[in-house]
Amino acid sequence: MSTPTARGSQTDIVALEARFRENQRKSGGISTRWVMLGLSIGLAGAFMMLSLFMFTNHITFGILNFQDPVIIAAIAGMAPYGFWIEREIQRRKSIEERLPEFLRDIAESGRFGMTLAAAIQSAAKGRYGTLTDEIRKMADQIAWGVSAVEALRLFQERNPTPLINRVVGIVIKAASAGGNVSDVLTLVSQDLRENTFAQEERKNEMLTYLVVIYIAFLVFLATVVILNAIFIPQIESFVAAQSAAQAANSNTAADAAAGSSAITAADVEEIKFIYLAAAIVHGLGDGFVVGMLTKGRLSAGMMHSVVLVLSAYAALRLLVLIV
C-alpha cells in the first residue's frame, strides 16, 4: 500500500520528467529565435564586409558603390529577426484571444463534476485555433502523470506574456487552495474578454497614429525624390553653364578661377547622400516608433523599419539613378 509521502514523491518525479522532456524538446534543436537572430547578424556582417571591401579597393558595380551594402546590411539585419518577432507576437496574441473561451469551457466542465485535469483533457478535443496545440500538450503531460497545476505552469513557461502569467497564476492559486475553481475560472474568463475589448479599442486608436507616421514619411520621401530628380540636376546644369560663360569672358586665369562655380559634381553627390541618409534614419526611427505605439515594444517595429528603409532606398538610390 502506497503512503501519501510515496505518492507525493512519485508526483514530483513525474513533474521533473515532464520538465526534462520540455527542456529536451526546446534544446533538441536550436531555437528558431536564435536561428533568425544569427541569420540577421550574419547577413548584416556579410554586407558590411562587402562594403568595406568595395571602399578600400574603390570598387563599384554599375550604379552601386560602397554605400549600398551598408543600407542593405541594415535591411538584412532586421528582416529575418523582425519577421520572427512579428510572427511570434501574432501567435501569442491569437492564444490570448482564445484563452477566455478555453477557461469558460473548463469552468463548465468543472460544474459537471470534472476535475481540472479531466477538464483540460476534455478541452483538448475541441478547437481553439493556435491555442489548441498548447492545450493538447497540457493534456499529453497530464496523461504522463503530471498534475494539472504543473501542466499549466509549463504552458506559462512556453508563453511568458504578462496576460498569460497573470491568468495562470490566478488559476494555479485557486486550484492549490481548493474550493470552487469553476467560479474563479468564470470570473477570469470575463475579465479576459473585457481586456480583449480594451486592447482592440487601443489598437484602433493607435492605427490612426500609424497612418499619420506613414503618410508623414511618404511626404518627406516624395519631397526628397523631387529634389534629387528635378531641382538638383537643374541647379547643377545652370551653375555649370554660368561657370563656362564666366570663364569664356574672363581676361585672366585668375578671373576664370574666381568666376567658377562654388558647387561641383562631387558636392551634388554629397547632397544626394545626405538626403539618402536622412531618409534612412527617418525610416528607421519611424518604424521603431510605430512598434512602440502599436505593440509597446521597440522590437515590434523592425518590420515597419524594414518596409520604410526599403522604400527610401528604392526611391532615392535605385529609382533616381536608373531614371
C-alpha atoms as a PDB file:
ATOM      1  CA  MET A   1       0.000   0.000   0.000  1.00  0.00           C
ATOM      2  CA  SER A   2       1.488   3.360  -1.019  1.00  0.00           C
ATOM      3  CA  THR A   3       1.747   6.091   1.565  1.00  0.00           C
ATOM      4  CA  PRO A   4       0.913   9.780   0.898  1.00  0.00           C
ATOM      5  CA  THR A   5       4.608  10.581   1.038  1.00  0.00           C
ATOM      6  CA  ALA A   6       5.365   7.961  -1.600  1.00  0.00           C
ATOM      7  CA  ARG A   7       2.590   9.231  -3.830  1.00  0.00           C
ATOM      8  CA  GLY A   8       3.868  12.789  -3.409  1.00  0.00           C
ATOM      9  CA  SER A   9       7.387  11.721  -4.322  1.00  0.00           C
ATOM     10  CA  GLN A  10       6.091   9.875  -7.377  1.00  0.00           C
ATOM     11  CA  THR A  11       4.214  13.002  -8.498  1.00  0.00           C
ATOM     12  CA  ASP A  12       7.362  15.094  -8.064  1.00  0.00           C
ATOM     13  CA  ILE A  13       9.337  12.598 -10.138  1.00  0.00           C
ATOM     14  CA  VAL A  14       6.729  12.704 -12.912  1.00  0.00           C
ATOM     15  CA  ALA A  15       6.769  16.509 -12.830  1.00  0.00           C
ATOM     16  CA  LEU A  16      10.557  16.523 -13.083  1.00  0.00           C
ATOM     17  CA  GLU A  17      10.372  14.114 -16.007  1.00  0.00           C
ATOM     18  CA  ALA A  18       7.858  16.390 -17.727  1.00  0.00           C
ATOM     19  CA  ARG A  19      10.153  19.379 -17.252  1.00  0.00           C
ATOM     20  CA  PHE A  20      13.071  17.327 -18.544  1.00  0.00           C
ATOM     21  CA  ARG A  21      11.095  16.381 -21.648  1.00  0.00           C
ATOM     22  CA  GLU A  22      10.056  20.004 -22.132  1.00  0.00           C
ATOM     23  CA  ASN A  23      13.648  21.236 -21.828  1.00  0.00           C
ATOM     24  CA  GLN A  24      14.810  18.425 -24.102  1.00  0.00           C
ATOM     25  CA  ARG A  25      12.217  19.478 -26.679  1.00  0.00           C
ATOM     26  CA  LYS A  26      13.464  23.067 -26.518  1.00  0.00           C
ATOM     27  CA  SER A  27      17.150  22.164 -26.657  1.00  0.00           C
ATOM     28  CA  GLY A  28      16.753  19.261 -29.098  1.00  0.00           C
ATOM     29  CA  GLY A  29      17.328  21.744 -31.888  1.00  0.00           C
ATOM     30  CA  ILE A  30      18.437  25.325 -31.998  1.00  0.00           C
ATOM     31  CA  SER A  31      15.596  27.660 -31.119  1.00  0.00           C
ATOM     32  CA  THR A  32      14.009  29.416 -34.087  1.00  0.00           C
ATOM     33  CA  ARG A  33      14.614  32.701 -32.347  1.00  0.00           C
ATOM     34  CA  TRP A  34      18.373  32.170 -32.225  1.00  0.00           C
ATOM     35  CA  VAL A  35      18.416  30.893 -35.808  1.00  0.00           C
ATOM     36  CA  MET A  36      16.717  34.073 -37.027  1.00  0.00           C
ATOM     37  CA  LEU A  37      18.919  36.269 -34.862  1.00  0.00           C
ATOM     38  CA  GLY A  38      22.047  34.531 -36.120  1.00  0.00           C
ATOM     39  CA  LEU A  39      20.839  34.826 -39.706  1.00  0.00           C
ATOM     40  CA  SER A  40      20.212  38.554 -39.250  1.00  0.00           C
ATOM     41  CA  ILE A  41      23.633  39.155 -37.722  1.00  0.00           C
ATOM     42  CA  GLY A  42      25.331  37.004 -40.365  1.00  0.00           C
ATOM     43  CA  LEU A  43      23.679  38.797 -43.293  1.00  0.00           C
ATOM     44  CA  ALA A  44      24.387  42.214 -41.810  1.00  0.00           C
ATOM     45  CA  GLY A  45      28.012  41.299 -41.186  1.00  0.00           C
ATOM     46  CA  ALA A  46      28.457  39.915 -44.710  1.00  0.00           C
ATOM     47  CA  PHE A  47      27.151  43.073 -46.370  1.00  0.00           C
ATOM     48  CA  MET A  48      29.241  45.274 -44.080  1.00  0.00           C
ATOM     49  CA  MET A  49      32.349  43.320 -45.077  1.00  0.00           C
ATOM     50  CA  LEU A  50      31.385  43.746 -48.724  1.00  0.00           C
ATOM     51  CA  SER A  51      31.010  47.492 -48.180  1.00  0.00           C
ATOM     52  CA  LEU A  52      34.429  47.682 -46.525  1.00  0.00           C
ATOM     53  CA  PHE A  53      35.981  45.686 -49.379  1.00  0.00           C
ATOM     54  CA  MET A  54      34.420  47.980 -52.004  1.00  0.00           C
ATOM     55  CA  PHE A  55      35.507  51.099 -50.109  1.00  0.00           C
ATOM     56  CA  THR A  56      39.133  50.066 -49.586  1.00  0.00           C
ATOM     57  CA  ASN A  57      39.557  48.854 -53.182  1.00  0.00           C
ATOM     58  CA  HIS A  58      37.478  51.629 -54.814  1.00  0.00           C
ATOM     59  CA  ILE A  59      35.189  49.080 -56.471  1.00  0.00           C
ATOM     60  CA  THR A  60      31.777  49.855 -57.913  1.00  0.00           C
ATOM     61  CA  PHE A  61      29.174  47.616 -59.553  1.00  0.00           C
ATOM     62  CA  GLY A  62      27.406  49.751 -62.127  1.00  0.00           C
ATOM     63  CA  ILE A  63      25.327  52.279 -60.203  1.00  0.00           C
ATOM     64  CA  LEU A  64      26.180  50.656 -56.847  1.00  0.00           C
ATOM     65  CA  ASN A  65      29.025  51.810 -54.632  1.00  0.00           C
ATOM     66  CA  PHE A  66      30.178  51.050 -51.092  1.00  0.00           C
ATOM     67  CA  GLN A  67      27.203  52.907 -49.570  1.00  0.00           C
ATOM     68  CA  ASP A  68      24.661  50.428 -50.925  1.00  0.00           C
ATOM     69  CA  PRO A  69      25.823  47.341 -48.975  1.00  0.00           C
ATOM     70  CA  VAL A  70      25.606  49.381 -45.756  1.00  0.00           C
ATOM     71  CA  ILE A  71      21.930  50.115 -46.378  1.00  0.00           C
ATOM     72  CA  ILE A  72      21.270  46.532 -47.452  1.00  0.00           C
ATOM     73  CA  ALA A  73      23.039  45.364 -44.274  1.00  0.00           C
ATOM     74  CA  ALA A  74      20.595  47.409 -42.184  1.00  0.00           C
ATOM     75  CA  ILE A  75      17.644  45.850 -44.024  1.00  0.00           C
ATOM     76  CA  ALA A  76      19.025  42.299 -43.919  1.00  0.00           C
ATOM     77  CA  GLY A  77      19.982  42.715 -40.273  1.00  0.00           C
ATOM     78  CA  MET A  78      16.391  43.451 -39.265  1.00  0.00           C
ATOM     79  CA  ALA A  79      14.264  41.455 -41.711  1.00  0.00           C
ATOM     80  CA  PRO A  80      14.681  37.805 -40.539  1.00  0.00           C
ATOM     81  CA  TYR A  81      14.601  38.535 -36.808  1.00  0.00           C
ATOM     82  CA  GLY A  82      11.875  41.160 -37.228  1.00  0.00           C
ATOM     83  CA  PHE A  83       9.772  38.666 -39.201  1.00  0.00           C
ATOM     84  CA  TRP A  84      10.136  36.094 -36.417  1.00  0.00           C
ATOM     85  CA  ILE A  85       9.207  38.626 -33.736  1.00  0.00           C
ATOM     86  CA  GLU A  86       6.123  39.733 -35.668  1.00  0.00           C
ATOM     87  CA  ARG A  87       5.057  36.131 -36.194  1.00  0.00           C
ATOM     88  CA  GLU A  88       5.609  35.260 -32.511  1.00  0.00           C
ATOM     89  CA  ILE A  89       3.635  38.307 -31.374  1.00  0.00           C
ATOM     90  CA  GLN A  90       0.746  37.297 -33.624  1.00  0.00           C
ATOM     91  CA  ARG A  91       0.892  33.704 -32.344  1.00  0.00           C
ATOM     92  CA  ARG A  92       0.771  34.731 -28.705  1.00  0.00           C
ATOM     93  CA  LYS A  93      -1.940  37.263 -29.424  1.00  0.00           C
ATOM     94  CA  SER A  94      -4.005  34.503 -31.044  1.00  0.00           C
ATOM     95  CA  ILE A  95      -3.517  32.354 -27.936  1.00  0.00           C
ATOM     96  CA  GLU A  96      -4.627  35.180 -25.659  1.00  0.00           C
ATOM     97  CA  GLU A  97      -7.736  35.805 -27.764  1.00  0.00           C
ATOM     98  CA  ARG A  98      -8.912  32.181 -27.417  1.00  0.00           C
ATOM     99  CA  LEU A  99      -7.937  31.852 -23.750  1.00  0.00           C
ATOM    100  CA  PRO A 100     -11.306  33.169 -22.399  1.00  0.00           C
ATOM    101  CA  GLU A 101     -13.178  30.513 -24.388  1.00  0.00           C
ATOM    102  CA  PHE A 102     -10.850  27.791 -23.073  1.00  0.00           C
ATOM    103  CA  LEU A 103     -11.303  28.906 -19.453  1.00  0.00           C
ATOM    104  CA  ARG A 104     -15.063  29.136 -19.876  1.00  0.00           C
ATOM    105  CA  ASP A 105     -15.233  25.545 -21.191  1.00  0.00           C
ATOM    106  CA  ILE A 106     -13.083  24.294 -18.308  1.00  0.00           C
ATOM    107  CA  ALA A 107     -15.378  26.095 -15.853  1.00  0.00           C
ATOM    108  CA  GLU A 108     -18.432  24.467 -17.431  1.00  0.00           C
ATOM    109  CA  SER A 109     -16.774  21.034 -17.221  1.00  0.00           C
ATOM    110  CA  GLY A 110     -15.968  21.683 -13.563  1.00  0.00           C
ATOM    111  CA  ARG A 111     -19.628  22.382 -12.810  1.00  0.00           C
ATOM    112  CA  PHE A 112     -20.445  18.916 -14.157  1.00  0.00           C
ATOM    113  CA  GLY A 113     -18.074  17.344 -11.650  1.00  0.00           C
ATOM    114  CA  MET A 114     -14.887  17.078 -13.705  1.00  0.00           C
ATOM    115  CA  THR A 115     -11.536  17.724 -12.095  1.00  0.00           C
ATOM    116  CA  LEU A 116      -9.237  20.392 -13.541  1.00  0.00           C
ATOM    117  CA  ALA A 117      -7.044  17.723 -15.123  1.00  0.00           C
ATOM    118  CA  ALA A 118     -10.008  15.914 -16.700  1.00  0.00           C
ATOM    119  CA  ALA A 119     -11.442  19.222 -17.944  1.00  0.00           C
ATOM    120  CA  ILE A 120      -8.146  20.090 -19.700  1.00  0.00           C
ATOM    121  CA  GLN A 121      -8.036  16.643 -21.323  1.00  0.00           C
ATOM    122  CA  SER A 122     -11.628  17.073 -22.474  1.00  0.00           C
ATOM    123  CA  ALA A 123     -10.876  20.545 -23.884  1.00  0.00           C
ATOM    124  CA  ALA A 124      -8.003  19.057 -25.916  1.00  0.00           C
ATOM    125  CA  LYS A 125     -10.632  17.549 -28.198  1.00  0.00           C
ATOM    126  CA  GLY A 126     -12.013  20.971 -29.091  1.00  0.00           C
ATOM    127  CA  ARG A 127     -10.829  23.617 -31.493  1.00  0.00           C
ATOM    128  CA  TYR A 128      -9.278  26.790 -30.134  1.00  0.00           C
ATOM    129  CA  GLY A 129      -7.150  27.949 -33.027  1.00  0.00           C
ATOM    130  CA  THR A 130      -3.494  28.403 -32.155  1.00  0.00           C
ATOM    131  CA  LEU A 131      -4.266  27.575 -28.513  1.00  0.00           C
ATOM    132  CA  THR A 132      -5.307  24.021 -29.488  1.00  0.00           C
ATOM    133  CA  ASP A 133      -1.706  22.804 -29.772  1.00  0.00           C
ATOM    134  CA  GLU A 134      -0.889  24.164 -26.325  1.00  0.00           C
ATOM    135  CA  ILE A 135      -3.965  22.504 -24.792  1.00  0.00           C
ATOM    136  CA  ARG A 136      -3.017  19.181 -26.359  1.00  0.00           C
ATOM    137  CA  LYS A 137       0.485  19.489 -24.930  1.00  0.00           C
ATOM    138  CA  MET A 138      -1.013  20.026 -21.475  1.00  0.00           C
ATOM    139  CA  ALA A 139      -3.340  17.056 -21.967  1.00  0.00           C
ATOM    140  CA  ASP A 140      -0.419  14.837 -23.012  1.00  0.00           C
ATOM    141  CA  GLN A 141       1.573  15.920 -19.970  1.00  0.00           C
ATOM    142  CA  ILE A 142      -1.387  15.116 -17.722  1.00  0.00           C
ATOM    143  CA  ALA A 143      -1.645  11.702 -19.386  1.00  0.00           C
ATOM    144  CA  TRP A 144       2.009  11.103 -18.420  1.00  0.00           C
ATOM    145  CA  GLY A 145       1.041  11.703 -14.809  1.00  0.00           C
ATOM    146  CA  VAL A 146       1.844  15.409 -14.455  1.00  0.00           C
ATOM    147  CA  SER A 147      -0.578  17.380 -12.290  1.00  0.00           C
ATOM    148  CA  ALA A 148      -2.857  19.944 -13.904  1.00  0.00           C
ATOM    149  CA  VAL A 149      -1.115  22.719 -11.966  1.00  0.00           C
ATOM    150  CA  GLU A 150       2.293  21.661 -13.277  1.00  0.00           C
ATOM    151  CA  ALA A 151       0.952  21.389 -16.843  1.00  0.00           C
ATOM    152  CA  LEU A 152      -0.394  24.946 -16.587  1.00  0.00           C
ATOM    153  CA  ARG A 153       2.953  26.116 -15.247  1.00  0.00           C
ATOM    154  CA  LEU A 154       4.743  24.560 -18.238  1.00  0.00           C
ATOM    155  CA  PHE A 155       2.245  26.270 -20.555  1.00  0.00           C
ATOM    156  CA  GLN A 156       3.109  29.548 -18.835  1.00  0.00           C
ATOM    157  CA  GLU A 157       6.831  28.957 -19.385  1.00  0.00           C
ATOM    158  CA  ARG A 158       6.287  28.359 -23.103  1.00  0.00           C
ATOM    159  CA  ASN A 159       4.237  31.539 -23.473  1.00  0.00           C
ATOM    160  CA  PRO A 160       5.525  34.055 -20.912  1.00  0.00           C
ATOM    161  CA  THR A 161       3.307  37.024 -21.754  1.00  0.00           C
ATOM    162  CA  PRO A 162       2.097  39.314 -18.936  1.00  0.00           C
ATOM    163  CA  LEU A 163      -1.523  38.326 -19.534  1.00  0.00           C
ATOM    164  CA  ILE A 164      -0.865  34.565 -19.520  1.00  0.00           C
ATOM    165  CA  ASN A 165       1.377  34.907 -16.451  1.00  0.00           C
ATOM    166  CA  ARG A 166      -1.413  36.682 -14.580  1.00  0.00           C
ATOM    167  CA  VAL A 167      -4.157  34.271 -15.640  1.00  0.00           C
ATOM    168  CA  VAL A 168      -2.197  31.085 -14.988  1.00  0.00           C
ATOM    169  CA  GLY A 169      -1.024  32.439 -11.634  1.00  0.00           C
ATOM    170  CA  ILE A 170      -4.628  33.033 -10.541  1.00  0.00           C
ATOM    171  CA  VAL A 171      -5.784  29.592 -11.736  1.00  0.00           C
ATOM    172  CA  ILE A 172      -2.865  27.824 -10.016  1.00  0.00           C
ATOM    173  CA  LYS A 173      -3.547  29.608  -6.725  1.00  0.00           C
ATOM    174  CA  ALA A 174      -7.260  28.794  -6.940  1.00  0.00           C
ATOM    175  CA  ALA A 175      -6.573  25.120  -7.731  1.00  0.00           C
ATOM    176  CA  SER A 176      -3.986  24.828  -4.967  1.00  0.00           C
ATOM    177  CA  ALA A 177      -6.259  26.449  -2.389  1.00  0.00           C
ATOM    178  CA  GLY A 178      -9.171  24.157  -3.239  1.00  0.00           C
ATOM    179  CA  GLY A 179     -12.774  25.258  -3.253  1.00  0.00           C
ATOM    180  CA  ASN A 180     -14.876  26.037  -6.307  1.00  0.00           C
ATOM    181  CA  VAL A 181     -12.388  26.578  -9.137  1.00  0.00           C
ATOM    182  CA  SER A 182     -15.183  26.946 -11.701  1.00  0.00           C
ATOM    183  CA  ASP A 183     -16.312  30.277 -10.284  1.00  0.00           C
ATOM    184  CA  VAL A 184     -12.753  31.596 -10.360  1.00  0.00           C
ATOM    185  CA  LEU A 185     -12.316  30.466 -13.972  1.00  0.00           C
ATOM    186  CA  THR A 186     -15.586  32.130 -14.974  1.00  0.00           C
ATOM    187  CA  LEU A 187     -14.520  35.437 -13.411  1.00  0.00           C
ATOM    188  CA  VAL A 188     -11.103  35.232 -15.050  1.00  0.00           C
ATOM    189  CA  SER A 189     -12.726  34.457 -18.419  1.00  0.00           C
ATOM    190  CA  GLN A 190     -14.984  37.501 -18.146  1.00  0.00           C
ATOM    191  CA  ASP A 191     -12.035  39.690 -17.153  1.00  0.00           C
ATOM    192  CA  LEU A 192     -10.077  38.440 -20.173  1.00  0.00           C
ATOM    193  CA  ARG A 193     -12.943  39.308 -22.501  1.00  0.00           C
ATOM    194  CA  GLU A 194     -13.048  42.856 -21.170  1.00  0.00           C
ATOM    195  CA  ASN A 195      -9.275  43.075 -21.514  1.00  0.00           C
ATOM    196  CA  THR A 196      -9.509  41.862 -25.136  1.00  0.00           C
ATOM    197  CA  PHE A 197     -12.104  44.525 -25.944  1.00  0.00           C
ATOM    198  CA  ALA A 198      -9.894  47.199 -24.352  1.00  0.00           C
ATOM    199  CA  GLN A 199      -6.914  46.049 -26.420  1.00  0.00           C
ATOM    200  CA  GLU A 200      -8.991  46.194 -29.615  1.00  0.00           C
ATOM    201  CA  GLU A 201     -10.048  49.763 -28.809  1.00  0.00           C
ATOM    202  CA  ARG A 202      -6.436  50.739 -28.160  1.00  0.00           C
ATOM    203  CA  LYS A 203      -5.384  49.081 -31.412  1.00  0.00           C
ATOM    204  CA  ASN A 204      -7.956  51.090 -33.350  1.00  0.00           C
ATOM    205  CA  GLU A 205      -6.781  54.302 -31.703  1.00  0.00           C
ATOM    206  CA  MET A 206      -3.125  53.564 -32.443  1.00  0.00           C
ATOM    207  CA  LEU A 207      -3.968  52.747 -36.063  1.00  0.00           C
ATOM    208  CA  THR A 208      -4.569  56.450 -36.634  1.00  0.00           C
ATOM    209  CA  TYR A 209      -1.066  57.312 -35.428  1.00  0.00           C
ATOM    210  CA  LEU A 210       0.382  54.543 -37.615  1.00  0.00           C
ATOM    211  CA  VAL A 211      -1.265  56.016 -40.712  1.00  0.00           C
ATOM    212  CA  VAL A 212      -0.069  59.524 -39.793  1.00  0.00           C
ATOM    213  CA  ILE A 213       3.531  58.324 -39.390  1.00  0.00           C
ATOM    214  CA  TYR A 214       3.488  56.503 -42.732  1.00  0.00           C
ATOM    215  CA  ILE A 215       1.948  59.480 -44.541  1.00  0.00           C
ATOM    216  CA  ALA A 216       4.486  61.876 -42.996  1.00  0.00           C
ATOM    217  CA  PHE A 217       7.338  59.623 -44.107  1.00  0.00           C
ATOM    218  CA  LEU A 218       5.956  59.322 -47.635  1.00  0.00           C
ATOM    219  CA  VAL A 219       5.577  63.116 -47.890  1.00  0.00           C
ATOM    220  CA  PHE A 220       9.177  63.573 -46.765  1.00  0.00           C
ATOM    221  CA  LEU A 221      10.332  60.891 -49.196  1.00  0.00           C
ATOM    222  CA  ALA A 222       8.425  62.449 -52.095  1.00  0.00           C
ATOM    223  CA  THR A 223       9.985  65.846 -51.332  1.00  0.00           C
ATOM    224  CA  VAL A 224      13.498  64.410 -51.308  1.00  0.00           C
ATOM    225  CA  VAL A 225      12.860  62.452 -54.521  1.00  0.00           C
ATOM    226  CA  ILE A 226      11.715  65.649 -56.259  1.00  0.00           C
ATOM    227  CA  LEU A 227      14.815  67.487 -55.062  1.00  0.00           C
ATOM    228  CA  ASN A 228      17.073  64.675 -56.263  1.00  0.00           C
ATOM    229  CA  ALA A 229      15.412  64.048 -59.599  1.00  0.00           C
ATOM    230  CA  ILE A 230      14.451  67.568 -60.711  1.00  0.00           C
ATOM    231  CA  PHE A 231      15.826  70.535 -58.808  1.00  0.00           C
ATOM    232  CA  ILE A 232      19.382  69.390 -58.086  1.00  0.00           C
ATOM    233  CA  PRO A 233      20.153  68.420 -61.742  1.00  0.00           C
ATOM    234  CA  GLN A 234      18.709  71.727 -62.960  1.00  0.00           C
ATOM    235  CA  ILE A 235      20.756  73.718 -60.460  1.00  0.00           C
ATOM    236  CA  GLU A 236      23.844  71.723 -61.441  1.00  0.00           C
ATOM    237  CA  SER A 237      23.277  72.430 -65.148  1.00  0.00           C
ATOM    238  CA  PHE A 238      22.627  76.126 -64.527  1.00  0.00           C
ATOM    239  CA  VAL A 239      25.761  76.550 -62.394  1.00  0.00           C
ATOM    240  CA  ALA A 240      27.882  74.680 -64.958  1.00  0.00           C
ATOM    241  CA  ALA A 241      26.610  76.850 -67.816  1.00  0.00           C
ATOM    242  CA  GLN A 242      27.147  80.029 -65.828  1.00  0.00           C
ATOM    243  CA  SER A 243      30.675  78.957 -64.881  1.00  0.00           C
ATOM    244  CA  ALA A 244      31.527  78.234 -68.527  1.00  0.00           C
ATOM    245  CA  ALA A 245      30.200  81.628 -69.638  1.00  0.00           C
ATOM    246  CA  GLN A 246      32.148  83.449 -66.945  1.00  0.00           C
ATOM    247  CA  ALA A 247      35.306  81.536 -67.819  1.00  0.00           C
ATOM    248  CA  ALA A 248      34.913  82.450 -71.513  1.00  0.00           C
ATOM    249  CA  ASN A 249      34.518  86.158 -70.721  1.00  0.00           C
ATOM    250  CA  SER A 250      37.406  86.258 -68.254  1.00  0.00           C
ATOM    251  CA  ASN A 251      40.625  88.035 -69.235  1.00  0.00           C
ATOM    252  CA  THR A 252      42.907  86.114 -66.918  1.00  0.00           C
ATOM    253  CA  ALA A 253      43.118  82.643 -65.480  1.00  0.00           C
ATOM    254  CA  ALA A 254      42.626  84.129 -62.009  1.00  0.00           C
ATOM    255  CA  ASP A 255      39.366  85.712 -63.107  1.00  0.00           C
ATOM    256  CA  ALA A 256      38.265  82.385 -64.571  1.00  0.00           C
ATOM    257  CA  ALA A 257      39.039  80.605 -61.325  1.00  0.00           C
ATOM    258  CA  ALA A 258      37.197  83.275 -59.353  1.00  0.00           C
ATOM    259  CA  GLY A 259      34.193  83.000 -61.627  1.00  0.00           C
ATOM    260  CA  SER A 260      33.974  79.242 -61.456  1.00  0.00           C
ATOM    261  CA  SER A 261      31.056  77.663 -59.622  1.00  0.00           C
ATOM    262  CA  ALA A 262      31.364  77.024 -55.907  1.00  0.00           C
ATOM    263  CA  ILE A 263      29.283  73.848 -56.363  1.00  0.00           C
ATOM    264  CA  THR A 264      30.882  70.881 -58.120  1.00  0.00           C
ATOM    265  CA  ALA A 265      29.580  67.487 -59.182  1.00  0.00           C
ATOM    266  CA  ALA A 266      31.115  65.957 -56.055  1.00  0.00           C
ATOM    267  CA  ASP A 267      29.200  68.429 -53.896  1.00  0.00           C
ATOM    268  CA  VAL A 268      25.957  67.433 -55.584  1.00  0.00           C
ATOM    269  CA  GLU A 269      26.663  63.752 -54.891  1.00  0.00           C
ATOM    270  CA  GLU A 270      27.307  64.599 -51.235  1.00  0.00           C
ATOM    271  CA  ILE A 271      23.977  66.408 -51.067  1.00  0.00           C
ATOM    272  CA  LYS A 272      22.228  63.373 -52.547  1.00  0.00           C
ATOM    273  CA  PHE A 273      23.933  61.136 -49.997  1.00  0.00           C
ATOM    274  CA  ILE A 274      22.788  63.430 -47.181  1.00  0.00           C
ATOM    275  CA  TYR A 275      19.213  63.189 -48.450  1.00  0.00           C
ATOM    276  CA  LEU A 276      19.508  59.393 -48.627  1.00  0.00           C
ATOM    277  CA  ALA A 277      20.990  59.137 -45.136  1.00  0.00           C
ATOM    278  CA  ALA A 278      18.256  61.392 -43.749  1.00  0.00           C
ATOM    279  CA  ALA A 279      15.552  59.214 -45.336  1.00  0.00           C
ATOM    280  CA  ILE A 280      17.152  56.015 -43.996  1.00  0.00           C
ATOM    281  CA  VAL A 281      17.383  57.410 -40.455  1.00  0.00           C
ATOM    282  CA  HIS A 282      13.861  58.747 -40.776  1.00  0.00           C
ATOM    283  CA  GLY A 283      12.580  55.313 -41.824  1.00  0.00           C
ATOM    284  CA  LEU A 284      14.415  53.511 -39.006  1.00  0.00           C
ATOM    285  CA  GLY A 285      13.112  55.890 -36.361  1.00  0.00           C
ATOM    286  CA  ASP A 286       9.545  55.921 -37.657  1.00  0.00           C
ATOM    287  CA  GLY A 287       9.442  52.120 -37.782  1.00  0.00           C
ATOM    288  CA  PHE A 288      10.517  51.760 -34.157  1.00  0.00           C
ATOM    289  CA  VAL A 289       8.046  54.452 -33.091  1.00  0.00           C
ATOM    290  CA  VAL A 290       5.242  52.524 -34.816  1.00  0.00           C
ATOM    291  CA  GLY A 291       6.284  49.346 -32.982  1.00  0.00           C
ATOM    292  CA  MET A 292       6.286  51.162 -29.653  1.00  0.00           C
ATOM    293  CA  LEU A 293       2.872  52.724 -30.256  1.00  0.00           C
ATOM    294  CA  THR A 294       1.087  49.646 -31.585  1.00  0.00           C
ATOM    295  CA  LYS A 295       2.721  46.786 -29.637  1.00  0.00           C
ATOM    296  CA  GLY A 296       4.533  48.557 -26.810  1.00  0.00           C
ATOM    297  CA  ARG A 297       7.916  47.157 -27.892  1.00  0.00           C
ATOM    298  CA  LEU A 298      10.718  48.611 -29.977  1.00  0.00           C
ATOM    299  CA  SER A 299      11.497  45.193 -31.457  1.00  0.00           C
ATOM    300  CA  ALA A 300       7.939  45.019 -32.810  1.00  0.00           C
ATOM    301  CA  GLY A 301       8.810  47.907 -35.138  1.00  0.00           C
ATOM    302  CA  MET A 302      11.574  46.072 -37.007  1.00  0.00           C
ATOM    303  CA  MET A 303       9.379  45.025 -39.923  1.00  0.00           C
ATOM    304  CA  HIS A 304       7.979  48.567 -40.195  1.00  0.00           C
ATOM    305  CA  SER A 305      11.546  49.880 -40.285  1.00  0.00           C
ATOM    306  CA  VAL A 306      12.424  47.352 -42.990  1.00  0.00           C
ATOM    307  CA  VAL A 307       9.472  48.479 -45.135  1.00  0.00           C
ATOM    308  CA  LEU A 308      10.250  52.190 -44.705  1.00  0.00           C
ATOM    309  CA  VAL A 309      14.020  51.854 -45.230  1.00  0.00           C
ATOM    310  CA  LEU A 310      13.490  49.647 -48.283  1.00  0.00           C
ATOM    311  CA  SER A 311      11.066  52.228 -49.708  1.00  0.00           C
ATOM    312  CA  ALA A 312      13.570  55.035 -49.145  1.00  0.00           C
ATOM    313  CA  TYR A 313      16.402  53.041 -50.705  1.00  0.00           C
ATOM    314  CA  ALA A 314      14.347  52.049 -53.746  1.00  0.00           C
ATOM    315  CA  ALA A 315      13.129  55.612 -54.295  1.00  0.00           C
ATOM    316  CA  LEU A 316      16.324  57.577 -53.655  1.00  0.00           C
ATOM    317  CA  ARG A 317      19.036  55.169 -54.731  1.00  0.00           C
ATOM    318  CA  LEU A 318      17.734  52.888 -57.421  1.00  0.00           C
ATOM    319  CA  LEU A 319      14.849  54.837 -58.961  1.00  0.00           C
ATOM    320  CA  VAL A 320      16.722  58.157 -59.179  1.00  0.00           C
ATOM    321  CA  LEU A 321      19.888  56.570 -60.542  1.00  0.00           C
ATOM    322  CA  ILE A 322      18.059  54.473 -63.115  1.00  0.00           C
ATOM    323  CA  VAL A 323      15.795  57.278 -64.273  1.00  0.00           C
END
